[in-house]
Amino acid sequence: MSQPESIIDDALLHGYVDGQLTAADRARVEAHLLQDAEAARKVEAWGAQADALRAAFPLDESEPVPAAMRAVFARPSLLDHARSIAPRLAALLLVAILGGGAGWWGHARFGGNPLPPLPREAARAHAIYTAEVLHAVEVPASEEKHLVAWLSKRLGTQLKAPYLGNAGFNLVGGRLLPAGRKDLAAQFMYENPRGERLTLYIRDGEPGEDSSFRVTEENGATGFYWVDNGYGYALVGPLRRDAMLPIAREVYAQLIN
């Protein structure tokens, strides 16, 4: 999927949300989102709605397709439209067409709470613990080796506390947190000489396929979040998104190496 360099339209933004772009187009869209706040809001809202719908209506591939839905898919105009968006979301939209008011129910359920669990939990934990002076972390940076080993054991994977000194942030320490109903999360906290704090939130048991960066802005904090091998990651801080993006890329690069 590729378009001329000058065009960043809704179709390309939908392709970004659905993970359908080439690496070159994905990079173009990410650069565009840093400059276009309205486009960034669209992408954030579409991604959150798709995540919420998938969580609320998991698709059972073994179930037969109802005859009424097969008839709708047989109509070329709707079939072409369905192919232009994510398969699961297309099916849900068709259910809404067939079921009348289902679309309004989905709007009411998800319209007022656009953030999916991962960035919402990360933002909440960031707000709570970065405000602390004496008890910001459970284990200080002076015990980094113990901290990383402990959190790695509890989350069931080998974690790292990325080095962010080149961006002006030093590790303060970290803590273990509950996540969702039964999962766990780790939080690493960083601080720069101006007292600004970043937190890296890592959650186990994250559903969904691996994803590229998504960005949120909530209560004066910017968050970049992504999913990799069943774990969710969210970097949250008080910086502008253009300042946060290179730090998020550095975190990602260190975690996968």
Protein backbone atom coordinates (compact mmCIF):
# COMPACT_ATOMS: atom_id res chain seq x y z
CA MET A 1 0.00 0.00 0.00
CA SER A 2 1.72 3.17 -1.14
CA GLN A 3 0.68 6.68 -2.12
CA PRO A 4 2.44 9.73 -3.59
CA GLU A 5 4.70 11.50 -1.14
CA SER A 6 2.47 14.57 -0.79
CA ILE A 7 -0.76 12.75 0.10
CA ILE A 8 -1.65 11.91 3.70
CA ASP A 9 -5.40 11.31 3.55
CA ASP A 10 -7.88 9.41 5.73
CA ALA A 11 -7.35 6.22 3.72
CA LEU A 12 -3.65 6.28 4.54
CA LEU A 13 -4.40 7.06 8.20
CA HIS A 14 -6.81 4.10 8.34
CA GLY A 15 -4.09 1.93 6.82
CA TYR A 16 -1.72 3.07 9.56
CA VAL A 17 -4.21 2.19 12.30
CA ASP A 18 -4.87 -1.22 10.71
CA GLY A 19 -1.17 -2.03 10.24
CA GLN A 20 -1.54 -2.24 6.45
CA LEU A 21 1.17 0.24 5.36
CA THR A 22 4.60 -0.31 3.93
CA ALA A 23 7.52 0.70 6.14
CA ALA A 24 8.04 3.84 4.03
CA ASP A 25 4.40 4.94 4.27
CA ARG A 26 4.32 4.18 7.99
CA ALA A 27 7.33 6.43 8.54
CA ARG A 28 5.69 9.20 6.46
CA VAL A 29 2.49 8.98 8.49
CA GLU A 30 4.35 9.04 11.82
CA ALA A 31 6.24 12.15 10.72
CA HIS A 32 2.96 13.74 9.61
CA LEU A 33 1.27 12.97 12.94
CA LEU A 34 3.91 14.94 14.79
CA GLN A 35 2.94 18.03 12.78
CA ASP A 36 -0.83 17.58 12.44
CA ALA A 37 -2.64 17.45 15.78
CA GLU A 38 -6.04 16.83 14.14
CA ALA A 39 -4.74 13.80 12.23
CA ALA A 40 -3.10 12.52 15.41
CA ARG A 41 -6.42 12.78 17.24
CA LYS A 42 -8.15 10.85 14.45
CA VAL A 43 -5.58 8.05 14.55
CA GLU A 44 -5.73 7.86 18.34
CA ALA A 45 -9.53 7.68 18.34
CA TRP A 46 -9.74 5.11 15.53
CA GLY A 47 -7.11 2.91 17.14
CA ALA A 48 -8.78 3.06 20.53
CA GLN A 49 -12.19 2.24 19.06
CA ALA A 50 -10.81 -0.72 17.10
CA ASP A 51 -9.04 -2.07 20.21
CA ALA A 52 -12.15 -1.66 22.32
CA LEU A 53 -14.38 -3.33 19.74
CA ARG A 54 -12.01 -6.27 19.36
CA ALA A 55 -11.91 -6.70 23.13
CA ALA A 56 -15.70 -6.49 23.46
CA PHE A 57 -16.51 -8.71 20.46
CA PRO A 58 -13.74 -11.32 20.03
CA LEU A 59 -14.10 -13.04 16.65
CA ASP A 60 -14.60 -16.80 16.70
CA GLU A 61 -13.21 -18.04 13.39
CA SER A 62 -14.95 -21.42 13.86
CA GLU A 63 -18.45 -19.94 13.83
CA PRO A 64 -20.33 -20.11 10.51
CA VAL A 65 -21.12 -16.83 8.80
CA PRO A 66 -24.86 -16.11 9.08
CA ALA A 67 -26.81 -16.29 5.81
CA ALA A 68 -27.88 -12.63 6.11
CA MET A 69 -24.28 -11.50 6.44
CA ARG A 70 -23.18 -13.66 3.49
CA ALA A 71 -25.86 -11.96 1.41
CA VAL A 72 -24.56 -8.53 2.39
CA PHE A 73 -20.98 -9.51 1.59
CA ALA A 74 -22.14 -10.71 -1.83
CA ARG A 75 -23.03 -7.12 -2.74
CA PRO A 76 -19.94 -5.73 -4.53
CA SER A 77 -20.16 -2.19 -3.16
CA LEU A 78 -20.18 -3.32 0.48
CA LEU A 79 -17.57 -5.99 -0.15
CA ASP A 80 -15.20 -3.43 -1.65
CA HIS A 81 -15.77 -1.15 1.34
CA ALA A 82 -15.15 -3.99 3.80
CA ARG A 83 -11.84 -4.79 2.13
CA SER A 84 -10.67 -1.21 2.72
CA ILE A 85 -10.70 -1.51 6.53
CA ALA A 86 -9.58 -4.02 9.15
CA PRO A 87 -11.40 -7.38 8.72
CA ARG A 88 -12.74 -7.60 12.25
CA LEU A 89 -13.93 -4.00 12.28
CA ALA A 90 -15.60 -4.54 8.90
CA ALA A 91 -17.53 -7.49 10.28
CA LEU A 92 -18.62 -5.46 13.28
CA LEU A 93 -19.81 -2.61 11.08
CA LEU A 94 -21.85 -5.03 9.01
CA VAL A 95 -23.39 -6.45 12.17
CA ALA A 96 -24.33 -2.90 13.12
CA ILE A 97 -25.98 -2.41 9.69
CA LEU A 98 -27.96 -5.62 10.09
CA GLY A 99 -28.79 -5.08 13.73
CA GLY A 100 -30.05 -1.51 13.61
CA GLY A 101 -29.14 0.14 16.89
CA ALA A 102 -25.95 -1.79 17.60
CA GLY A 103 -23.83 0.98 16.13
CA TRP A 104 -25.24 3.55 18.54
CA TRP A 105 -24.64 1.16 21.45
CA GLY A 106 -20.99 0.93 20.46
CA HIS A 107 -20.73 4.72 20.22
CA ALA A 108 -22.23 5.17 23.67
CA ARG A 109 -20.04 2.50 25.23
CA PHE A 110 -16.70 3.61 23.81
CA GLY A 111 -17.15 7.23 22.76
CA GLY A 112 -16.59 8.69 26.23
CA ASN A 113 -13.56 6.54 27.11
CA PRO A 114 -11.22 6.55 24.10
CA LEU A 115 -8.09 5.16 25.72
CA PRO A 116 -7.60 1.37 25.79
CA PRO A 117 -6.34 -0.20 29.06
CA LEU A 118 -2.59 -0.10 28.38
CA PRO A 119 -2.09 3.68 27.93
CA ARG A 120 -4.82 4.47 30.45
CA GLU A 121 -3.13 2.38 33.17
CA ALA A 122 0.30 3.75 32.27
CA ALA A 123 -0.93 7.36 32.42
CA ARG A 124 -2.63 6.78 35.77
CA ALA A 125 0.46 5.14 37.30
CA HIS A 126 2.63 7.95 35.91
CA ALA A 127 0.41 10.64 37.46
CA ILE A 128 0.33 8.92 40.85
CA TYR A 129 3.99 8.08 41.33
CA THR A 130 5.78 10.96 39.61
CA ALA A 131 4.04 13.26 42.11
CA GLU A 132 5.68 11.43 45.02
CA VAL A 133 8.84 12.87 46.55
CA LEU A 134 9.95 10.31 49.14
CA HIS A 135 8.20 7.21 47.80
CA ALA A 136 8.31 7.58 44.03
CA VAL A 137 9.84 4.09 43.62
CA GLU A 138 9.99 0.85 45.57
CA VAL A 139 13.57 -0.01 44.61
CA PRO A 140 16.06 2.81 43.91
CA ALA A 141 18.44 3.02 40.97
CA SER A 142 21.34 2.21 43.29
CA GLU A 143 19.92 -1.35 43.31
CA GLU A 144 19.27 -1.51 39.57
CA LYS A 145 20.52 -5.07 39.14
CA HIS A 146 18.21 -6.36 41.87
CA LEU A 147 15.31 -4.23 40.55
CA VAL A 148 15.57 -5.60 37.01
CA ALA A 149 15.96 -9.20 38.19
CA TRP A 150 12.96 -8.93 40.53
CA LEU A 151 10.64 -7.35 37.97
CA SER A 152 11.80 -9.78 35.27
CA LYS A 153 10.92 -12.73 37.50
CA ARG A 154 7.50 -11.38 38.37
CA LEU A 155 6.56 -10.54 34.76
CA GLY A 156 8.04 -13.74 33.34
CA THR A 157 10.39 -12.16 30.82
CA GLN A 158 13.85 -10.62 30.76
CA LEU A 159 13.38 -6.90 31.29
CA LYS A 160 15.82 -4.03 30.88
CA ALA A 161 15.95 -0.57 32.36
CA PRO A 162 16.91 1.39 29.24
CA TYR A 163 19.71 3.92 29.52
CA LEU A 164 18.36 7.40 28.75
CA GLY A 165 21.34 9.48 29.80
CA ASN A 166 21.87 10.74 26.25
CA ALA A 167 18.39 12.29 26.44
CA GLY A 168 19.20 13.85 29.82
CA PHE A 169 17.21 11.41 31.97
CA ASN A 170 18.66 9.19 34.68
CA LEU A 171 17.03 6.17 36.28
CA VAL A 172 15.34 6.91 39.63
CA GLY A 173 14.21 3.31 40.25
CA GLY A 174 11.12 1.21 39.75
CA ARG A 175 8.22 -0.69 41.21
CA LEU A 176 5.79 -3.58 40.65
CA LEU A 177 2.14 -2.72 39.95
CA PRO A 178 -1.13 -4.61 39.44
CA ALA A 179 -2.55 -4.44 35.91
CA GLY A 180 -6.05 -5.31 34.80
CA ARG A 181 -7.78 -8.02 36.79
CA LYS A 182 -4.94 -10.49 37.25
CA ASP A 183 -1.86 -9.29 35.39
CA LEU A 184 1.22 -7.42 36.58
CA ALA A 185 3.11 -4.38 35.38
CA ALA A 186 6.57 -2.95 35.96
CA GLN A 187 7.30 0.76 36.10
CA PHE A 188 10.74 2.30 35.62
CA MET A 189 11.05 6.00 36.46
CA TYR A 190 13.54 8.52 35.05
CA GLU A 191 14.27 12.14 35.92
CA ASN A 192 16.22 14.98 34.29
CA PRO A 193 18.02 17.88 36.04
CA ARG A 194 14.90 20.06 35.69
CA GLY A 195 12.92 17.57 37.76
CA GLU A 196 10.84 16.32 34.81
CA ARG A 197 10.01 12.64 35.07
CA LEU A 198 9.40 9.93 32.50
CA THR A 199 7.98 6.50 33.29
CA LEU A 200 8.26 3.30 31.29
CA TYR A 201 5.30 1.01 31.99
CA ILE A 202 5.54 -2.65 30.96
CA ARG A 203 2.52 -4.92 31.26
CA ASP A 204 2.29 -8.68 30.75
CA GLY A 205 -0.62 -10.53 29.18
CA GLU A 206 -1.26 -7.81 26.59
CA PRO A 207 -3.77 -9.03 23.95
CA GLY A 208 -3.50 -8.26 20.27
CA GLU A 209 -0.81 -8.41 17.62
CA ASP A 210 2.49 -6.55 17.72
CA SER A 211 1.99 -2.90 16.86
CA SER A 212 3.86 0.22 15.86
CA PHE A 213 3.87 3.32 18.05
CA ARG A 214 0.62 4.98 19.00
CA VAL A 215 0.50 8.30 20.78
CA THR A 216 -1.82 9.70 23.43
CA GLU A 217 -2.09 13.01 25.24
CA GLU A 218 -3.84 12.84 28.61
CA ASN A 219 -3.84 15.39 31.46
CA GLY A 220 -0.75 17.22 30.21
CA ALA A 221 1.28 14.04 29.62
CA THR A 222 2.32 12.51 26.30
CA GLY A 223 2.44 8.74 25.96
CA PHE A 224 3.85 6.46 23.27
CA TYR A 225 2.69 2.86 23.53
CA TRP A 226 3.13 -0.35 21.58
CA VAL A 227 2.75 -4.15 21.90
CA ASP A 228 5.54 -6.67 21.36
CA ASN A 229 5.41 -10.46 21.92
CA GLY A 230 2.49 -10.35 24.33
CA TYR A 231 3.82 -7.46 26.41
CA GLY A 232 2.56 -3.89 26.35
CA TYR A 233 4.94 -0.95 26.68
CA ALA A 234 4.10 2.70 27.36
CA LEU A 235 6.53 5.60 27.78
CA VAL A 236 4.81 8.56 29.47
CA GLY A 237 6.16 12.02 30.23
CA PRO A 238 5.44 15.76 30.34
CA LEU A 239 7.31 16.55 27.10
CA ARG A 240 5.82 17.46 23.73
CA ARG A 241 5.32 14.55 21.36
CA ASP A 242 8.15 15.66 19.06
CA ALA A 243 10.52 15.55 22.04
CA MET A 244 9.13 12.24 23.32
CA LEU A 245 9.29 10.38 20.01
CA PRO A 246 13.11 10.01 19.77
CA ILE A 247 13.21 8.87 23.41
CA ALA A 248 10.49 6.29 22.70
CA ARG A 249 12.47 5.06 19.69
CA GLU A 250 15.60 4.77 21.84
CA VAL A 251 13.67 2.80 24.48
CA TYR A 252 12.27 0.48 21.81
CA ALA A 253 15.70 -0.07 20.24
CA GLN A 254 17.27 -0.99 23.57
CA LEU A 255 14.45 -3.34 24.55
CA ILE A 256 14.59 -5.40 21.37
CA ASN A 257 18.41 -5.76 21.42
